[in-house]
Structure formats: C-alpha cells, structure tokens
Protein backbone atom coordinates (compact mmCIF):
# COMPACT_ATOMS: atom_id res chain seq x y z
CA UNK A 1 67.53 93.74 118.07
CA UNK A 2 70.76 95.11 116.55
CA UNK A 3 68.99 95.99 113.48
CA UNK A 4 66.85 98.63 115.53
CA UNK A 5 70.14 100.55 115.94
CA UNK A 6 70.85 100.57 112.08
CA UNK A 7 69.15 104.02 111.45
CA UNK A 8 71.28 105.62 114.26
CA UNK A 9 74.45 104.10 112.88
CA UNK A 10 73.54 105.36 109.40
CA UNK A 11 72.80 108.80 111.04
CA UNK A 12 76.24 108.90 112.51
CA UNK A 13 78.13 107.77 109.34
CA UNK A 14 76.14 110.32 107.01
CA UNK A 15 76.84 113.07 109.48
CA UNK A 16 80.64 112.17 109.72
CA UNK A 17 80.90 111.75 105.84
CA UNK A 18 79.12 115.18 105.48
CA UNK A 19 81.32 117.11 107.78
CA UNK A 20 84.50 115.40 106.15
CA UNK A 21 83.01 116.35 102.76
CA UNK A 22 82.51 120.02 103.82
CA UNK A 23 86.01 120.27 105.34
CA UNK A 24 87.74 118.85 102.24
CA UNK A 25 85.42 121.06 99.92
CA UNK A 26 86.60 124.22 101.83
CA UNK A 27 90.28 123.20 101.72
CA UNK A 28 90.09 122.49 97.92
CA UNK A 29 88.03 125.52 96.82
CA UNK A 30 89.27 128.04 99.50
CA UNK A 31 91.80 130.66 98.42
CA UNK A 32 95.47 129.79 98.93
CA UNK A 33 97.20 133.17 98.82
CA UNK A 34 98.54 133.47 102.33
CA UNK A 35 100.32 136.43 103.35
CA UNK A 36 101.68 137.93 106.54
CA UNK A 37 98.65 140.29 107.19
CA UNK A 38 96.19 137.22 106.74
CA UNK A 39 98.08 135.18 109.09
CA UNK A 40 97.96 137.70 111.84
CA UNK A 41 95.32 136.98 114.72
CA UNK A 42 92.95 140.03 114.56
CA UNK A 43 90.37 140.47 117.26
CA UNK A 44 87.53 143.12 116.52
CA UNK A 45 89.53 144.62 113.58
CA UNK A 46 92.28 145.73 115.94
CA UNK A 47 95.84 144.94 115.45
CA UNK A 48 97.10 143.08 118.46
CA UNK A 49 99.67 144.80 120.75
CA UNK A 50 100.51 141.71 122.90
CA UNK A 51 100.95 138.03 122.37
CA UNK A 52 97.73 136.27 121.56
CA UNK A 53 99.09 133.34 123.98
CA UNK A 54 98.88 135.43 127.29
CA UNK A 55 97.56 133.66 130.26
CA UNK A 56 94.30 134.43 131.75
CA UNK A 57 93.61 134.39 135.42
CA UNK A 58 92.02 131.30 136.70
CA UNK A 59 89.26 133.55 138.27
CA UNK A 60 88.08 134.40 134.72
CA UNK A 61 87.21 130.73 134.11
CA UNK A 62 85.85 130.17 137.43
CA UNK A 63 83.26 132.98 136.87
CA UNK A 64 82.51 131.81 133.46
CA UNK A 65 81.93 128.15 134.69
CA UNK A 66 79.71 129.52 137.60
CA UNK A 67 77.65 131.43 134.96
CA UNK A 68 77.16 128.51 132.90
CA UNK A 69 76.22 126.25 135.87
CA UNK A 70 73.68 128.96 137.25
CA UNK A 71 72.42 129.83 133.75
CA UNK A 72 71.57 126.11 133.03
CA UNK A 73 69.84 125.66 136.41
CA UNK A 74 67.65 128.73 135.68
CA UNK A 75 66.62 127.26 132.31
CA UNK A 76 64.69 124.44 134.26
CA UNK A 77 62.43 127.17 135.54
CA UNK A 78 60.87 127.64 132.17
CA UNK A 79 59.20 124.19 131.80
CA UNK A 80 58.01 124.63 135.36
CA UNK A 81 56.50 127.82 134.60
CA UNK A 82 54.61 126.40 131.56
CA UNK A 83 53.14 123.44 133.54
CA UNK A 84 52.59 125.49 136.91
CA UNK A 85 48.79 125.17 136.47
CA UNK A 86 48.77 121.45 136.46
CA UNK A 87 51.56 121.02 138.86
CA UNK A 88 49.49 122.99 141.68
CA UNK A 89 51.11 123.11 145.30
CA UNK A 90 53.31 119.96 144.71
CA UNK A 91 55.19 121.81 141.72
CA UNK A 92 55.41 124.97 143.82
CA UNK A 93 56.96 122.94 146.60
CA UNK A 94 59.51 121.19 144.38
CA UNK A 95 60.45 124.47 142.82
CA UNK A 96 60.90 126.05 145.98
CA UNK A 97 63.18 123.10 147.02
CA UNK A 98 65.14 123.42 143.70
CA UNK A 99 65.49 127.18 144.20
CA UNK A 100 66.63 126.81 147.73
CA UNK A 101 69.33 124.39 146.61
CA UNK A 102 70.33 126.91 143.97
CA UNK A 103 70.64 129.68 146.35
CA UNK A 104 72.59 127.66 148.91
CA UNK A 105 75.01 126.90 146.14
CA UNK A 106 75.23 130.70 144.94
CA UNK A 107 75.75 131.76 148.51
CA UNK A 108 78.35 129.26 149.15
CA UNK A 109 80.58 130.11 146.09
CA UNK A 110 79.94 133.88 147.13
CA UNK A 111 81.30 133.46 150.50
CA UNK A 112 84.15 131.55 149.24
CA UNK A 113 85.22 134.64 147.18
CA UNK A 114 84.72 133.06 143.82
CA UNK A 115 83.21 136.43 142.54
CA UNK A 116 85.96 138.49 144.04
CA UNK A 117 88.69 139.91 141.37
CA UNK A 118 91.57 140.70 143.66
C-alpha cells in the first residue's frame, strides 16, 4: 500500500532537486558585478521618487481579494456552459442558485462599502 505512493514521492524529490539545481546554477553562472544602479528598485523603467516600502491602504488588498474571489467563482460557469445540454433544467436551476449566492455576496460587500475608496 505504501509502495503506491512511491511515484508521488519520487516526483516531489525530483521537483525539489530540479528547483534547487536551477537556483544554484543561476547563482554560480550569473553575473556578479553589482553596482548602485543595478541595486536600485526600478519599476516600469522609472527611477523611484519615494521609498519602495511605503504602506498601501488595506482597501487595496480588500478589492484585490474580492476580485480574486469573484473571478474564481465565475470560472465555475465555464464547465456548466459546456455541459448545459446534458444537464437540462436541473443544471439551470443549480446554476441559478449558485449565481444567486454569488450576487448576494456581491451586494453584501457592496453595501458594506468595500468598493468605496474614501
């Protein structure tokens, strides 16, 4: 029974060794001529005029988490759309319930003011 898990263990070990090998290889073969210009954090080719460690509003992260949450939930619509012909009315009713729950959650966070940037 334990022997059935041997391929998974081998895969994990090989993946770990490959990742470690690539990291060591880039460290060994990579250029080692640091200077002040290379060590500066640059975003979009522009020289920063403020500290890169500035704080972001919690609202930014809330909107990002809600986007991911609703985006992942909408991804569940694709398999349903593919199998809609086979699911018939039962599939339509189940998807209506799913979308209703999704809309209730969306309106809840909207009413709580999660989308406001005040």
